[in-house]
Amino acid sequence: MTPSLDHIQIAIPEGAEQTCRTFWGDIIGLTEIEKPEALKKRGGCWFDLSGSELHLGVETPFSPAKKAHPGFRVTEIKTLAERLTTNGHMVIWDDAIKDRQRFFTADPFGNRLEFLE
């Protein structure tokens, strides 16, 4: 048995679904997928992640993840960094890993995110 990634979940505050759609859909460029009917009443939203899924789940009380974070592999990382900056999100470049371009940012709720190319 070899595990593989099915999904990751990031916590969001209650009522933040539209903000998530703007950030993850419009800015990052992910496609929203429909949640199973039995889970819709819990709130949140899901996005396709190239064979895996990103689940944004409501957590009450909400507390953003400041250290723990997902790392997203992307292409055209500089274009993504520009889109984030243009939309008011801080981008912090990091060169600690040789042969990888990467930066850290936060979602609109303060959850730490890493993007790598």
N, C-alpha and C. Protein backbone atom coordinates (compact mmCIF):
# COMPACT_ATOMS: atom_id res chain seq x y z
N MET A 1 0.84 -1.18 0.00
CA MET A 1 0.00 0.00 0.00
C MET A 1 0.88 1.24 0.00
N THR A 2 0.67 2.12 -0.96
CA THR A 2 1.39 3.38 -1.03
C THR A 2 0.40 4.52 -0.92
N PRO A 3 0.44 5.28 0.16
CA PRO A 3 -0.49 6.40 0.31
C PRO A 3 -0.24 7.48 -0.74
N SER A 4 -1.28 8.17 -1.11
CA SER A 4 -1.18 9.36 -1.95
C SER A 4 -2.16 10.38 -1.41
N LEU A 5 -2.02 11.58 -1.86
CA LEU A 5 -2.84 12.67 -1.33
C LEU A 5 -4.22 12.70 -1.99
N ASP A 6 -5.26 12.61 -1.19
CA ASP A 6 -6.64 12.75 -1.68
C ASP A 6 -7.06 14.21 -1.58
N HIS A 7 -6.85 14.82 -0.41
CA HIS A 7 -7.21 16.23 -0.23
C HIS A 7 -6.45 16.83 0.93
N ILE A 8 -6.43 18.14 0.97
CA ILE A 8 -5.96 18.88 2.13
C ILE A 8 -7.12 19.76 2.57
N GLN A 9 -7.16 20.06 3.84
CA GLN A 9 -8.20 20.94 4.35
C GLN A 9 -7.56 22.13 5.06
N ILE A 10 -8.08 23.29 4.75
CA ILE A 10 -7.66 24.53 5.39
C ILE A 10 -8.88 25.11 6.08
N ALA A 11 -8.72 25.56 7.32
CA ALA A 11 -9.83 26.12 8.07
C ALA A 11 -10.13 27.55 7.61
N ILE A 12 -11.42 27.86 7.61
CA ILE A 12 -11.89 29.21 7.28
C ILE A 12 -12.96 29.62 8.30
N PRO A 13 -13.18 30.93 8.45
CA PRO A 13 -14.25 31.36 9.35
C PRO A 13 -15.63 31.13 8.74
N GLU A 14 -16.62 31.07 9.58
CA GLU A 14 -18.00 30.91 9.13
C GLU A 14 -18.39 32.07 8.21
N GLY A 15 -19.11 31.74 7.13
CA GLY A 15 -19.61 32.75 6.20
C GLY A 15 -18.58 33.29 5.22
N ALA A 16 -17.43 32.63 5.08
CA ALA A 16 -16.34 33.15 4.26
C ALA A 16 -16.25 32.52 2.87
N GLU A 17 -17.28 31.80 2.46
CA GLU A 17 -17.21 31.08 1.20
C GLU A 17 -16.97 31.98 -0.01
N GLN A 18 -17.63 33.12 -0.09
CA GLN A 18 -17.45 33.98 -1.26
C GLN A 18 -16.03 34.55 -1.31
N THR A 19 -15.49 34.89 -0.16
CA THR A 19 -14.10 35.35 -0.11
C THR A 19 -13.16 34.24 -0.61
N CYS A 20 -13.44 32.99 -0.24
CA CYS A 20 -12.65 31.85 -0.72
C CYS A 20 -12.76 31.70 -2.23
N ARG A 21 -13.95 31.85 -2.76
CA ARG A 21 -14.13 31.73 -4.22
C ARG A 21 -13.33 32.80 -4.95
N THR A 22 -13.30 34.00 -4.41
CA THR A 22 -12.52 35.07 -5.04
C THR A 22 -11.03 34.75 -4.96
N PHE A 23 -10.55 34.37 -3.79
CA PHE A 23 -9.12 34.11 -3.61
C PHE A 23 -8.68 32.87 -4.38
N TRP A 24 -9.29 31.72 -4.09
CA TRP A 24 -8.84 30.46 -4.68
C TRP A 24 -9.26 30.30 -6.14
N GLY A 25 -10.42 30.82 -6.49
CA GLY A 25 -10.88 30.71 -7.87
C GLY A 25 -10.33 31.81 -8.77
N ASP A 26 -10.64 33.05 -8.44
CA ASP A 26 -10.27 34.17 -9.31
C ASP A 26 -8.78 34.49 -9.28
N ILE A 27 -8.16 34.52 -8.11
CA ILE A 27 -6.75 34.93 -8.02
C ILE A 27 -5.81 33.75 -8.25
N ILE A 28 -6.01 32.65 -7.53
CA ILE A 28 -5.12 31.49 -7.66
C ILE A 28 -5.41 30.70 -8.94
N GLY A 29 -6.68 30.64 -9.34
CA GLY A 29 -7.02 29.99 -10.60
C GLY A 29 -7.52 28.56 -10.48
N LEU A 30 -7.98 28.15 -9.28
CA LEU A 30 -8.53 26.81 -9.12
C LEU A 30 -10.00 26.77 -9.51
N THR A 31 -10.46 25.58 -9.87
CA THR A 31 -11.86 25.38 -10.25
C THR A 31 -12.62 24.79 -9.07
N GLU A 32 -13.72 25.43 -8.71
CA GLU A 32 -14.54 24.91 -7.61
C GLU A 32 -15.24 23.63 -8.05
N ILE A 33 -15.32 22.67 -7.11
CA ILE A 33 -16.06 21.43 -7.34
C ILE A 33 -17.17 21.34 -6.31
N GLU A 34 -18.22 20.63 -6.66
CA GLU A 34 -19.39 20.54 -5.78
C GLU A 34 -19.11 19.60 -4.61
N LYS A 35 -19.50 20.07 -3.43
CA LYS A 35 -19.40 19.22 -2.24
C LYS A 35 -20.53 18.19 -2.27
N PRO A 36 -20.32 17.03 -1.66
CA PRO A 36 -21.41 16.07 -1.54
C PRO A 36 -22.59 16.70 -0.79
N GLU A 37 -23.77 16.36 -1.19
CA GLU A 37 -25.00 16.93 -0.62
C GLU A 37 -25.02 16.86 0.90
N ALA A 38 -24.60 15.74 1.46
CA ALA A 38 -24.64 15.55 2.91
C ALA A 38 -23.70 16.49 3.65
N LEU A 39 -22.71 17.06 2.97
CA LEU A 39 -21.74 17.93 3.62
C LEU A 39 -21.99 19.42 3.37
N LYS A 40 -22.88 19.75 2.47
CA LYS A 40 -23.13 21.15 2.12
C LYS A 40 -23.58 21.99 3.31
N LYS A 41 -24.35 21.40 4.20
CA LYS A 41 -24.89 22.16 5.34
C LYS A 41 -23.80 22.59 6.32
N ARG A 42 -22.61 22.01 6.22
CA ARG A 42 -21.50 22.37 7.10
C ARG A 42 -20.80 23.66 6.66
N GLY A 43 -21.12 24.14 5.46
CA GLY A 43 -20.47 25.33 4.93
C GLY A 43 -19.14 24.98 4.29
N GLY A 44 -18.40 25.99 3.89
CA GLY A 44 -17.12 25.78 3.24
C GLY A 44 -17.29 25.54 1.75
N CYS A 45 -16.20 25.26 1.08
CA CYS A 45 -16.23 24.96 -0.35
C CYS A 45 -14.99 24.15 -0.72
N TRP A 46 -15.07 23.46 -1.86
CA TRP A 46 -13.99 22.59 -2.32
C TRP A 46 -13.51 23.04 -3.69
N PHE A 47 -12.22 22.78 -3.96
CA PHE A 47 -11.63 23.12 -5.25
C PHE A 47 -10.81 21.94 -5.76
N ASP A 48 -10.77 21.80 -7.09
CA ASP A 48 -9.95 20.79 -7.74
C ASP A 48 -8.48 21.18 -7.63
N LEU A 49 -7.64 20.21 -7.34
CA LEU A 49 -6.22 20.47 -7.15
C LEU A 49 -5.41 19.48 -8.00
N SER A 50 -5.71 19.42 -9.29
CA SER A 50 -4.97 18.57 -10.24
C SER A 50 -4.85 17.12 -9.77
N GLY A 51 -5.97 16.49 -9.52
CA GLY A 51 -5.98 15.10 -9.09
C GLY A 51 -6.20 14.92 -7.60
N SER A 52 -6.06 15.97 -6.84
CA SER A 52 -6.39 15.98 -5.42
C SER A 52 -7.43 17.08 -5.22
N GLU A 53 -7.78 17.34 -3.99
CA GLU A 53 -8.78 18.38 -3.72
C GLU A 53 -8.31 19.28 -2.59
N LEU A 54 -8.74 20.52 -2.65
CA LEU A 54 -8.54 21.49 -1.57
C LEU A 54 -9.90 21.70 -0.93
N HIS A 55 -10.02 21.35 0.35
CA HIS A 55 -11.26 21.53 1.09
C HIS A 55 -11.07 22.72 2.03
N LEU A 56 -11.97 23.66 1.96
CA LEU A 56 -11.97 24.81 2.85
C LEU A 56 -13.14 24.62 3.80
N GLY A 57 -12.83 24.30 5.05
CA GLY A 57 -13.84 23.91 6.02
C GLY A 57 -14.00 24.94 7.13
N VAL A 58 -15.25 25.16 7.49
CA VAL A 58 -15.57 26.13 8.55
C VAL A 58 -15.12 25.59 9.90
N GLU A 59 -14.41 26.45 10.63
CA GLU A 59 -13.96 26.11 11.98
C GLU A 59 -14.40 27.22 12.92
N THR A 60 -15.12 26.83 14.00
CA THR A 60 -15.61 27.80 14.97
C THR A 60 -15.20 27.36 16.37
N PRO A 61 -14.45 28.15 17.11
CA PRO A 61 -13.93 29.45 16.68
C PRO A 61 -12.78 29.25 15.70
N PHE A 62 -12.60 30.20 14.83
CA PHE A 62 -11.57 30.12 13.80
C PHE A 62 -10.24 30.65 14.33
N SER A 63 -9.18 29.97 13.96
CA SER A 63 -7.82 30.42 14.28
C SER A 63 -6.93 30.07 13.09
N PRO A 64 -6.30 31.04 12.44
CA PRO A 64 -5.49 30.74 11.24
C PRO A 64 -4.23 29.95 11.58
N ALA A 65 -3.80 29.12 10.64
CA ALA A 65 -2.55 28.38 10.77
C ALA A 65 -1.41 29.31 10.39
N LYS A 66 -0.54 29.60 11.34
CA LYS A 66 0.56 30.55 11.13
C LYS A 66 1.86 29.87 10.73
N LYS A 67 2.08 28.62 11.13
CA LYS A 67 3.30 27.90 10.81
C LYS A 67 3.02 26.73 9.88
N ALA A 68 2.12 25.83 10.29
CA ALA A 68 1.75 24.70 9.44
C ALA A 68 1.14 25.25 8.16
N HIS A 69 1.46 24.61 7.03
CA HIS A 69 0.97 25.15 5.76
C HIS A 69 1.06 24.11 4.65
N PRO A 70 0.21 24.23 3.65
CA PRO A 70 0.37 23.41 2.45
C PRO A 70 1.36 24.08 1.51
N GLY A 71 2.04 23.26 0.72
CA GLY A 71 2.92 23.77 -0.32
C GLY A 71 2.33 23.40 -1.67
N PHE A 72 2.04 24.38 -2.50
CA PHE A 72 1.41 24.16 -3.79
C PHE A 72 2.44 24.28 -4.91
N ARG A 73 2.58 23.24 -5.74
CA ARG A 73 3.45 23.29 -6.90
C ARG A 73 2.70 24.01 -8.02
N VAL A 74 3.36 25.01 -8.61
CA VAL A 74 2.73 25.81 -9.66
C VAL A 74 3.70 26.01 -10.82
N THR A 75 3.15 26.45 -11.93
CA THR A 75 3.95 26.94 -13.06
C THR A 75 3.71 28.45 -13.12
N GLU A 76 4.61 29.14 -13.75
CA GLU A 76 4.50 30.60 -13.88
C GLU A 76 4.34 31.29 -12.52
N ILE A 77 5.25 30.95 -11.63
CA ILE A 77 5.18 31.44 -10.25
C ILE A 77 5.25 32.96 -10.16
N LYS A 78 6.02 33.59 -11.04
CA LYS A 78 6.14 35.05 -10.99
C LYS A 78 4.82 35.72 -11.37
N THR A 79 4.09 35.12 -12.31
CA THR A 79 2.77 35.65 -12.69
C THR A 79 1.80 35.54 -11.52
N LEU A 80 1.83 34.40 -10.83
CA LEU A 80 0.97 34.22 -9.66
C LEU A 80 1.32 35.23 -8.58
N ALA A 81 2.61 35.42 -8.33
CA ALA A 81 3.04 36.39 -7.32
C ALA A 81 2.55 37.79 -7.67
N GLU A 82 2.60 38.15 -8.94
CA GLU A 82 2.08 39.46 -9.38
C GLU A 82 0.58 39.59 -9.13
N ARG A 83 -0.18 38.53 -9.47
CA ARG A 83 -1.64 38.55 -9.24
C ARG A 83 -1.95 38.72 -7.77
N LEU A 84 -1.23 38.02 -6.92
CA LEU A 84 -1.46 38.14 -5.48
C LEU A 84 -1.14 39.55 -5.01
N THR A 85 -0.01 40.08 -5.40
CA THR A 85 0.40 41.43 -4.99
C THR A 85 -0.60 42.46 -5.48
N THR A 86 -1.02 42.34 -6.74
CA THR A 86 -1.99 43.27 -7.31
C THR A 86 -3.30 43.26 -6.53
N ASN A 87 -3.62 42.10 -5.95
CA ASN A 87 -4.87 41.97 -5.19
C ASN A 87 -4.69 42.16 -3.69
N GLY A 88 -3.55 42.75 -3.29
CA GLY A 88 -3.35 43.13 -1.90
C GLY A 88 -2.79 42.08 -0.97
N HIS A 89 -2.23 41.00 -1.52
CA HIS A 89 -1.67 39.94 -0.69
C HIS A 89 -0.15 40.04 -0.70
N MET A 90 0.45 40.01 0.49
CA MET A 90 1.91 40.09 0.61
C MET A 90 2.54 38.80 0.10
N VAL A 91 3.62 38.93 -0.66
CA VAL A 91 4.39 37.80 -1.17
C VAL A 91 5.79 37.91 -0.59
N ILE A 92 6.24 36.84 0.07
CA ILE A 92 7.58 36.82 0.67
C ILE A 92 8.39 35.71 0.01
N TRP A 93 9.33 36.11 -0.84
CA TRP A 93 10.17 35.15 -1.55
C TRP A 93 11.18 34.54 -0.59
N ASP A 94 11.52 33.25 -0.83
CA ASP A 94 12.46 32.54 0.02
C ASP A 94 13.36 31.67 -0.87
N ASP A 95 14.67 31.79 -0.69
CA ASP A 95 15.61 31.02 -1.52
C ASP A 95 16.37 29.96 -0.72
N ALA A 96 15.79 29.49 0.36
CA ALA A 96 16.46 28.52 1.23
C ALA A 96 16.59 27.13 0.62
N ILE A 97 15.75 26.81 -0.37
CA ILE A 97 15.83 25.50 -1.02
C ILE A 97 16.45 25.71 -2.41
N LYS A 98 17.62 25.12 -2.60
CA LYS A 98 18.34 25.27 -3.87
C LYS A 98 17.50 24.74 -5.03
N ASP A 99 17.56 25.42 -6.15
CA ASP A 99 16.90 25.01 -7.40
C ASP A 99 15.37 25.07 -7.36
N ARG A 100 14.83 25.83 -6.41
CA ARG A 100 13.38 26.02 -6.37
C ARG A 100 13.06 27.49 -6.16
N GLN A 101 12.18 28.00 -6.98
CA GLN A 101 11.64 29.33 -6.70
C GLN A 101 10.44 29.10 -5.81
N ARG A 102 10.34 29.88 -4.74
CA ARG A 102 9.19 29.72 -3.86
C ARG A 102 8.93 31.00 -3.11
N PHE A 103 7.65 31.14 -2.71
CA PHE A 103 7.28 32.25 -1.86
C PHE A 103 6.19 31.82 -0.89
N PHE A 104 6.06 32.61 0.15
CA PHE A 104 5.00 32.41 1.15
C PHE A 104 4.04 33.58 1.02
N THR A 105 2.79 33.30 1.32
CA THR A 105 1.76 34.32 1.39
C THR A 105 0.73 33.82 2.40
N ALA A 106 -0.36 34.54 2.53
CA ALA A 106 -1.44 34.10 3.41
C ALA A 106 -2.75 34.25 2.66
N ASP A 107 -3.70 33.38 2.99
CA ASP A 107 -5.04 33.55 2.42
C ASP A 107 -5.69 34.76 3.11
N PRO A 108 -6.89 35.15 2.71
CA PRO A 108 -7.52 36.34 3.31
C PRO A 108 -7.78 36.24 4.81
N PHE A 109 -7.62 35.05 5.39
CA PHE A 109 -7.91 34.84 6.81
C PHE A 109 -6.66 34.65 7.65
N GLY A 110 -5.48 34.72 7.01
CA GLY A 110 -4.21 34.62 7.73
C GLY A 110 -3.58 33.24 7.73
N ASN A 111 -4.15 32.27 7.01
CA ASN A 111 -3.53 30.94 6.92
C ASN A 111 -2.29 31.02 6.04
N ARG A 112 -1.18 30.47 6.52
CA ARG A 112 0.08 30.49 5.77
C ARG A 112 0.00 29.54 4.58
N LEU A 113 0.53 29.98 3.43
CA LEU A 113 0.54 29.20 2.20
C LEU A 113 1.92 29.31 1.56
N GLU A 114 2.37 28.24 0.93
CA GLU A 114 3.62 28.24 0.19
C GLU A 114 3.34 27.84 -1.25
N PHE A 115 3.97 28.54 -2.19
CA PHE A 115 3.88 28.22 -3.60
C PHE A 115 5.29 28.00 -4.13
N LEU A 116 5.51 26.90 -4.89
CA LEU A 116 6.83 26.52 -5.38
C LEU A 116 6.78 26.21 -6.87
N GLU A 117 7.90 26.52 -7.53
CA GLU A 117 8.05 26.12 -8.93
C GLU A 117 9.43 25.50 -9.08
